[in-house]
C-alpha atoms as a PDB file:
ATOM      1  CA  MET A   1       0.000   0.000   0.000  1.00  0.00           C
ATOM      2  CA  THR A   2       1.224   3.493  -0.793  1.00  0.00           C
ATOM      3  CA  ASP A   3       1.624   6.215   1.808  1.00  0.00           C
ATOM      4  CA  ASP A   4      -1.110   8.216   0.061  1.00  0.00           C
ATOM      5  CA  PHE A   5      -3.572   5.333   0.365  1.00  0.00           C
ATOM      6  CA  THR A   6      -2.645   4.811   4.002  1.00  0.00           C
ATOM      7  CA  ARG A   7      -3.297   8.464   4.808  1.00  0.00           C
ATOM      8  CA  LEU A   8      -6.594   8.396   2.909  1.00  0.00           C
ATOM      9  CA  ARG A   9      -7.699   5.247   4.736  1.00  0.00           C
ATOM     10  CA  GLN A  10      -6.779   6.823   8.061  1.00  0.00           C
ATOM     11  CA  THR A  11      -8.939   9.843   7.246  1.00  0.00           C
ATOM     12  CA  LEU A  12     -11.837   7.632   6.157  1.00  0.00           C
ATOM     13  CA  ASP A  13     -11.572   5.612   9.365  1.00  0.00           C
ATOM     14  CA  ALA A  14     -11.362   8.756  11.526  1.00  0.00           C
ATOM     15  CA  ARG A  15     -14.432  10.486  10.075  1.00  0.00           C
ATOM     16  CA  TYR A  16     -17.667  10.252  12.074  1.00  0.00           C
ATOM     17  CA  SER A  17     -20.893  12.205  12.425  1.00  0.00           C
ATOM     18  CA  CYS A  18     -20.120  14.783  15.102  1.00  0.00           C
ATOM     19  CA  ARG A  19     -23.050  15.666  17.371  1.00  0.00           C
ATOM     20  CA  GLY A  20     -21.320  17.970  19.839  1.00  0.00           C
ATOM     21  CA  PHE A  21     -19.213  21.006  18.952  1.00  0.00           C
ATOM     22  CA  ARG A  22     -17.215  23.679  20.709  1.00  0.00           C
ATOM     23  CA  PRO A  23     -18.514  27.214  20.050  1.00  0.00           C
ATOM     24  CA  ASP A  24     -15.184  28.535  18.726  1.00  0.00           C
ATOM     25  CA  PRO A  25     -15.469  29.749  15.116  1.00  0.00           C
ATOM     26  CA  VAL A  26     -13.365  28.237  12.365  1.00  0.00           C
ATOM     27  CA  PRO A  27     -11.024  30.741  10.659  1.00  0.00           C
ATOM     28  CA  GLU A  28     -12.316  31.926   7.297  1.00  0.00           C
ATOM     29  CA  THR A  29      -9.149  30.815   5.518  1.00  0.00           C
ATOM     30  CA  THR A  30      -9.629  27.294   6.891  1.00  0.00           C
ATOM     31  CA  ILE A  31     -13.214  27.208   5.614  1.00  0.00           C
ATOM     32  CA  GLN A  32     -12.040  28.335   2.196  1.00  0.00           C
ATOM     33  CA  HIS A  33      -9.405  25.579   2.119  1.00  0.00           C
ATOM     34  CA  LEU A  34     -12.139  23.109   3.120  1.00  0.00           C
ATOM     35  CA  VAL A  35     -14.497  24.166   0.318  1.00  0.00           C
ATOM     36  CA  MET A  36     -11.778  24.305  -2.321  1.00  0.00           C
ATOM     37  CA  ALA A  37     -10.631  20.799  -1.412  1.00  0.00           C
ATOM     38  CA  ALA A  38     -14.212  19.469  -1.671  1.00  0.00           C
ATOM     39  CA  GLY A  39     -14.530  21.193  -5.042  1.00  0.00           C
ATOM     40  CA  ARG A  40     -12.078  18.649  -6.455  1.00  0.00           C
ATOM     41  CA  ALA A  41     -14.847  16.017  -6.355  1.00  0.00           C
ATOM     42  CA  PRO A  42     -15.620  14.447  -9.747  1.00  0.00           C
ATOM     43  CA  SER A  43     -18.809  15.302 -11.642  1.00  0.00           C
ATOM     44  CA  TRP A  44     -20.474  14.265 -14.877  1.00  0.00           C
ATOM     45  CA  CYS A  45     -18.975  16.268 -17.779  1.00  0.00           C
ATOM     46  CA  ASN A  46     -17.251  18.425 -15.142  1.00  0.00           C
ATOM     47  CA  ALA A  47     -20.597  20.173 -14.533  1.00  0.00           C
ATOM     48  CA  GLN A  48     -19.754  20.851 -10.853  1.00  0.00           C
ATOM     49  CA  PRO A  49     -23.419  21.513  -9.932  1.00  0.00           C
ATOM     50  CA  TRP A  50     -22.740  22.143  -6.244  1.00  0.00           C
ATOM     51  CA  LYS A  51     -22.713  25.378  -4.305  1.00  0.00           C
ATOM     52  CA  VAL A  52     -22.372  25.865  -0.573  1.00  0.00           C
ATOM     53  CA  THR A  53     -23.846  28.647   1.555  1.00  0.00           C
ATOM     54  CA  VAL A  54     -22.007  28.866   4.901  1.00  0.00           C
ATOM     55  CA  THR A  55     -23.184  30.708   8.017  1.00  0.00           C
ATOM     56  CA  HIS A  56     -20.771  32.588  10.258  1.00  0.00           C
ATOM     57  CA  GLY A  57     -21.172  34.253  13.640  1.00  0.00           C
ATOM     58  CA  ALA A  58     -24.579  35.757  14.355  1.00  0.00           C
ATOM     59  CA  GLU A  59     -25.984  34.414  11.074  1.00  0.00           C
ATOM     60  CA  THR A  60     -25.767  30.871  12.440  1.00  0.00           C
ATOM     61  CA  ALA A  61     -28.022  31.916  15.329  1.00  0.00           C
ATOM     62  CA  ARG A  62     -30.425  33.781  13.019  1.00  0.00           C
ATOM     63  CA  PHE A  63     -30.744  30.759  10.760  1.00  0.00           C
ATOM     64  CA  ARG A  64     -31.183  28.441  13.759  1.00  0.00           C
ATOM     65  CA  ASP A  65     -34.043  30.563  15.119  1.00  0.00           C
ATOM     66  CA  ALA A  66     -35.737  30.784  11.717  1.00  0.00           C
ATOM     67  CA  LEU A  67     -35.376  27.042  11.202  1.00  0.00           C
ATOM     68  CA  LEU A  68     -36.783  26.194  14.630  1.00  0.00           C
ATOM     69  CA  ALA A  69     -39.788  28.415  13.872  1.00  0.00           C
ATOM     70  CA  ALA A  70     -40.313  26.551  10.592  1.00  0.00           C
ATOM     71  CA  VAL A  71     -40.060  23.184  12.352  1.00  0.00           C
ATOM     72  CA  GLU A  72     -42.765  24.302  14.782  1.00  0.00           C
ATOM     73  CA  GLN A  73     -45.091  25.882  12.215  1.00  0.00           C
ATOM     74  CA  ASP A  74     -44.524  24.230   8.830  1.00  0.00           C
ATOM     75  CA  LYS A  75     -44.748  20.750   7.396  1.00  0.00           C
ATOM     76  CA  PRO A  76     -41.574  19.205   5.985  1.00  0.00           C
ATOM     77  CA  ALA A  77     -41.210  19.945   2.269  1.00  0.00           C
ATOM     78  CA  PRO A  78     -37.915  18.476   1.017  1.00  0.00           C
ATOM     79  CA  ASP A  79     -36.926  19.042  -2.586  1.00  0.00           C
ATOM     80  CA  LEU A  80     -36.080  15.353  -2.962  1.00  0.00           C
ATOM     81  CA  PRO A  81     -38.486  12.741  -1.564  1.00  0.00           C
ATOM     82  CA  TRP A  82     -37.318  10.942   1.532  1.00  0.00           C
ATOM     83  CA  PRO A  83     -36.912   7.150   1.446  1.00  0.00           C
ATOM     84  CA  GLU A  84     -40.172   5.231   1.482  1.00  0.00           C
ATOM     85  CA  SER A  85     -38.604   2.583   3.703  1.00  0.00           C
ATOM     86  CA  TYR A  86     -35.307   1.115   4.881  1.00  0.00           C
ATOM     87  CA  PRO A  87     -35.557  -2.577   3.946  1.00  0.00           C
ATOM     88  CA  GLY A  88     -33.392  -5.341   5.322  1.00  0.00           C
ATOM     89  CA  ALA A  89     -29.885  -4.455   6.433  1.00  0.00           C
ATOM     90  CA  HIS A  90     -30.457  -0.762   5.722  1.00  0.00           C
ATOM     91  CA  GLY A  91     -33.140  -0.559   8.374  1.00  0.00           C
ATOM     92  CA  ALA A  92     -31.084  -2.606  10.805  1.00  0.00           C
ATOM     93  CA  ARG A  93     -28.137  -0.217  10.447  1.00  0.00           C
ATOM     94  CA  ARG A  94     -30.409   2.794  10.880  1.00  0.00           C
ATOM     95  CA  LEU A  95     -31.874   1.325  14.055  1.00  0.00           C
ATOM     96  CA  GLU A  96     -28.442   0.399  15.400  1.00  0.00           C
ATOM     97  CA  CYS A  97     -27.186   3.954  14.870  1.00  0.00           C
ATOM     98  CA  GLY A  98     -30.165   5.433  16.712  1.00  0.00           C
ATOM     99  CA  LEU A  99     -29.824   3.042  19.632  1.00  0.00           C
ATOM    100  CA  GLN A 100     -26.097   3.767  19.888  1.00  0.00           C
ATOM    101  CA  LEU A 101     -26.799   7.497  20.051  1.00  0.00           C
ATOM    102  CA  TYR A 102     -29.498   7.153  22.718  1.00  0.00           C
ATOM    103  CA  GLU A 103     -27.270   4.891  24.806  1.00  0.00           C
ATOM    104  CA  ALA A 104     -24.349   7.309  24.512  1.00  0.00           C
ATOM    105  CA  VAL A 105     -26.398  10.271  25.766  1.00  0.00           C
ATOM    106  CA  GLY A 106     -28.278   8.239  28.390  1.00  0.00           C
ATOM    107  CA  ILE A 107     -31.758   8.155  26.845  1.00  0.00           C
ATOM    108  CA  ALA A 108     -33.931   5.121  27.617  1.00  0.00           C
ATOM    109  CA  ARG A 109     -35.603   3.431  24.638  1.00  0.00           C
ATOM    110  CA  ASN A 110     -39.093   4.238  25.978  1.00  0.00           C
ATOM    111  CA  ASP A 111     -38.343   7.882  26.841  1.00  0.00           C
ATOM    112  CA  ARG A 112     -40.084   9.531  23.890  1.00  0.00           C
ATOM    113  CA  ALA A 113     -39.783  13.053  25.258  1.00  0.00           C
ATOM    114  CA  ALA A 114     -36.020  12.789  25.582  1.00  0.00           C
ATOM    115  CA  ARG A 115     -35.751  11.220  22.134  1.00  0.00           C
ATOM    116  CA  THR A 116     -37.739  14.103  20.651  1.00  0.00           C
ATOM    117  CA  GLU A 117     -35.499  16.614  22.424  1.00  0.00           C
ATOM    118  CA  GLN A 118     -32.419  14.870  21.059  1.00  0.00           C
ATOM    119  CA  SER A 119     -33.900  14.920  17.557  1.00  0.00           C
ATOM    120  CA  LEU A 120     -34.432  18.680  17.842  1.00  0.00           C
ATOM    121  CA  GLN A 121     -30.685  19.073  18.329  1.00  0.00           C
ATOM    122  CA  ASN A 122     -30.484  18.672  14.548  1.00  0.00           C
ATOM    123  CA  TYR A 123     -32.052  22.126  14.233  1.00  0.00           C
ATOM    124  CA  HIS A 124     -29.714  23.569  16.851  1.00  0.00           C
ATOM    125  CA  PHE A 125     -26.888  22.247  14.643  1.00  0.00           C
ATOM    126  CA  PHE A 126     -25.582  20.362  17.693  1.00  0.00           C
ATOM    127  CA  GLY A 127     -23.990  23.606  18.850  1.00  0.00           C
ATOM    128  CA  ALA A 128     -21.821  24.017  15.748  1.00  0.00           C
ATOM    129  CA  PRO A 129     -20.651  27.566  14.951  1.00  0.00           C
ATOM    130  CA  HIS A 130     -21.148  27.047  11.200  1.00  0.00           C
ATOM    131  CA  VAL A 131     -23.728  25.440   8.950  1.00  0.00           C
ATOM    132  CA  ALA A 132     -23.147  24.721   5.272  1.00  0.00           C
ATOM    133  CA  ILE A 133     -26.243  24.514   3.078  1.00  0.00           C
ATOM    134  CA  ILE A 134     -25.448  22.266   0.119  1.00  0.00           C
ATOM    135  CA  HIS A 135     -27.461  22.908  -3.029  1.00  0.00           C
ATOM    136  CA  SER A 136     -27.308  21.849  -6.680  1.00  0.00           C
ATOM    137  CA  GLU A 137     -28.687  22.984 -10.019  1.00  0.00           C
ATOM    138  CA  ALA A 138     -32.244  21.708 -10.409  1.00  0.00           C
ATOM    139  CA  ALA A 139     -31.957  21.437 -14.209  1.00  0.00           C
ATOM    140  CA  LEU A 140     -29.359  18.688 -13.771  1.00  0.00           C
ATOM    141  CA  GLY A 141     -31.897  16.582 -11.866  1.00  0.00           C
ATOM    142  CA  PRO A 142     -30.868  13.436 -10.011  1.00  0.00           C
ATOM    143  CA  TYR A 143     -27.460  13.306 -11.676  1.00  0.00           C
ATOM    144  CA  GLY A 144     -26.646  16.771 -10.387  1.00  0.00           C
ATOM    145  CA  ALA A 145     -27.714  15.603  -6.932  1.00  0.00           C
ATOM    146  CA  LEU A 146     -25.585  12.464  -7.348  1.00  0.00           C
ATOM    147  CA  ASP A 147     -22.537  14.565  -8.263  1.00  0.00           C
ATOM    148  CA  THR A 148     -23.176  16.820  -5.277  1.00  0.00           C
ATOM    149  CA  GLY A 149     -23.155  13.748  -3.045  1.00  0.00           C
ATOM    150  CA  GLY A 150     -19.511  13.371  -4.002  1.00  0.00           C
ATOM    151  CA  PHE A 151     -18.909  16.972  -2.949  1.00  0.00           C
ATOM    152  CA  ILE A 152     -20.567  16.260   0.414  1.00  0.00           C
ATOM    153  CA  THR A 153     -18.333  13.239   0.979  1.00  0.00           C
ATOM    154  CA  ALA A 154     -15.233  15.217   0.013  1.00  0.00           C
ATOM    155  CA  LEU A 155     -16.215  18.079   2.317  1.00  0.00           C
ATOM    156  CA  THR A 156     -16.665  15.842   5.351  1.00  0.00           C
ATOM    157  CA  LEU A 157     -13.377  14.058   4.682  1.00  0.00           C
ATOM    158  CA  ALA A 158     -11.538  17.348   4.199  1.00  0.00           C
ATOM    159  CA  ALA A 159     -13.025  18.553   7.486  1.00  0.00           C
ATOM    160  CA  THR A 160     -11.677  15.454   9.232  1.00  0.00           C
ATOM    161  CA  ALA A 161      -8.241  16.000   7.711  1.00  0.00           C
ATOM    162  CA  LEU A 162      -8.297  19.568   9.092  1.00  0.00           C
ATOM    163  CA  GLY A 163      -9.203  18.385  12.589  1.00  0.00           C
ATOM    164  CA  LEU A 164     -12.817  19.552  12.275  1.00  0.00           C
ATOM    165  CA  GLY A 165     -16.009  17.694  13.114  1.00  0.00           C
ATOM    166  CA  SER A 166     -18.956  17.591  10.726  1.00  0.00           C
ATOM    167  CA  ILE A 167     -22.348  15.987  10.276  1.00  0.00           C
ATOM    168  CA  ALA A 168     -24.454  15.849   7.120  1.00  0.00           C
ATOM    169  CA  GLN A 169     -28.143  16.459   7.918  1.00  0.00           C
ATOM    170  CA  ALA A 170     -31.074  15.603   5.668  1.00  0.00           C
ATOM    171  CA  SER A 171     -33.407  16.751   8.462  1.00  0.00           C
ATOM    172  CA  VAL A 172     -32.540  20.400   7.825  1.00  0.00           C
ATOM    173  CA  ALA A 173     -33.127  20.065   4.070  1.00  0.00           C
ATOM    174  CA  ALA A 174     -36.727  19.043   4.868  1.00  0.00           C
ATOM    175  CA  TYR A 175     -37.485  22.775   5.100  1.00  0.00           C
ATOM    176  CA  ALA A 176     -36.185  23.644   1.637  1.00  0.00           C
ATOM    177  CA  PRO A 177     -38.641  26.492   0.837  1.00  0.00           C
ATOM    178  CA  MET A 178     -37.797  28.275   4.097  1.00  0.00           C
ATOM    179  CA  ILE A 179     -34.061  27.834   3.453  1.00  0.00           C
ATOM    180  CA  ARG A 180     -34.302  29.313  -0.044  1.00  0.00           C
ATOM    181  CA  ALA A 181     -36.253  32.276   1.299  1.00  0.00           C
ATOM    182  CA  HIS A 182     -33.906  32.831   4.249  1.00  0.00           C
ATOM    183  CA  PHE A 183     -30.765  32.863   2.104  1.00  0.00           C
ATOM    184  CA  ASN A 184     -32.416  34.409  -0.971  1.00  0.00           C
ATOM    185  CA  LEU A 185     -31.541  31.424  -3.142  1.00  0.00           C
ATOM    186  CA  PRO A 186     -33.274  31.021  -6.521  1.00  0.00           C
ATOM    187  CA  GLU A 187     -35.878  28.338  -7.146  1.00  0.00           C
ATOM    188  CA  SER A 188     -33.403  26.718  -9.528  1.00  0.00           C
ATOM    189  CA  ARG A 189     -31.341  25.471  -6.575  1.00  0.00           C
ATOM    190  CA  LEU A 190     -32.206  22.109  -5.018  1.00  0.00           C
ATOM    191  CA  ILE A 191     -31.563  22.047  -1.264  1.00  0.00           C
ATOM    192  CA  LEU A 192     -29.903  18.672  -0.673  1.00  0.00           C
ATOM    193  CA  CYS A 193     -28.621  18.765   2.880  1.00  0.00           C
ATOM    194  CA  ALA A 194     -26.949  20.807   5.577  1.00  0.00           C
ATOM    195  CA  ILE A 195     -23.547  20.119   7.081  1.00  0.00           C
ATOM    196  CA  SER A 196     -22.984  21.444  10.587  1.00  0.00           C
ATOM    197  CA  PHE A 197     -19.279  21.782  11.269  1.00  0.00           C
ATOM    198  CA  GLY A 198     -16.719  23.189  13.664  1.00  0.00           C
ATOM    199  CA  TRP A 199     -14.234  22.033  16.275  1.00  0.00           C
ATOM    200  CA  PRO A 200     -15.508  18.790  17.860  1.00  0.00           C
ATOM    201  CA  ASP A 201     -16.205  18.601  21.581  1.00  0.00           C
ATOM    202  CA  ALA A 202     -14.361  15.405  22.455  1.00  0.00           C
ATOM    203  CA  ALA A 203     -16.013  15.307  25.894  1.00  0.00           C
ATOM    204  CA  HIS A 204     -19.583  15.366  24.537  1.00  0.00           C
ATOM    205  CA  PRO A 205     -21.225  11.956  25.124  1.00  0.00           C
ATOM    206  CA  ALA A 206     -22.859  11.972  21.676  1.00  0.00           C
ATOM    207  CA  ASN A 207     -19.375  11.767  20.175  1.00  0.00           C
ATOM    208  CA  ALA A 208     -18.449   8.661  22.150  1.00  0.00           C
ATOM    209  CA  PHE A 209     -19.734   5.990  19.755  1.00  0.00           C
ATOM    210  CA  ARG A 210     -18.872   4.882  16.219  1.00  0.00           C
ATOM    211  CA  THR A 211     -21.165   3.128  13.792  1.00  0.00           C
ATOM    212  CA  SER A 212     -20.338  -0.289  12.379  1.00  0.00           C
ATOM    213  CA  ARG A 213     -19.438  -0.786   8.728  1.00  0.00           C
ATOM    214  CA  ALA A 214     -20.563  -3.466   6.290  1.00  0.00           C
ATOM    215  CA  ALA A 215     -18.175  -6.345   5.650  1.00  0.00           C
ATOM    216  CA  LEU A 216     -16.412  -6.607   2.288  1.00  0.00           C
ATOM    217  CA  GLU A 217     -18.647  -9.489   1.167  1.00  0.00           C
ATOM    218  CA  ASP A 218     -21.736  -7.346   1.812  1.00  0.00           C
ATOM    219  CA  ILE A 219     -20.692  -4.626  -0.636  1.00  0.00           C
ATOM    220  CA  TYR A 220     -18.277  -6.273  -3.092  1.00  0.00           C
ATOM    221  CA  ASP A 221     -19.579  -8.538  -5.872  1.00  0.00           C
ATOM    222  CA  PRO A 222     -16.656  -9.752  -7.985  1.00  0.00           C
ATOM    223  CA  ARG A 223     -17.457 -11.268 -11.361  1.00  0.00           C
ATOM    224  CA  GLY A 224     -15.334 -13.237 -13.804  1.00  0.00           C
END
């Protein structure tokens, strides 16, 4: 194995969904390095359909308050339909992740109020000082969204390499019309997800667990 592959594998292994952040802001130059690195993601015909709107300082709080109001008053209206179901192993992994989180933060399985409160932390951005709204060109349809998924992966890996924590959140994108209005984005932009990011709080209990990964035989189908 090459040194480059070893470093990449170490970054992949180190990345996790951070659910507890320190309030300290990330320097603007660091954020720019982060975005430029993610912009190296591949895309069909080099279309690069992604754009990222990043909150700083008081704007993070303003967006949080506006989002919480939308969660209380509006129905979810994502630009892309959410999964109809999580069949088989997909559902089992989803359940395992949720149970790991609740155990880490000390929430009993039958404590619905505490589970709801934990879920609302999505809209508080888990205390992160920055939120990145990831959006793509609607005219490029699902392939533009697929390309932007590569940008999201690259952004979270670049954040890990810079010592930052991050978490991609579909829950925030459920309020796409409100997000477009808040940031004055055109209707031609599909809101795909948010990424809360900042310096991770290593002492936060929600950061104490790691999800399992599928075995090679579950994802690799060699032929020939």
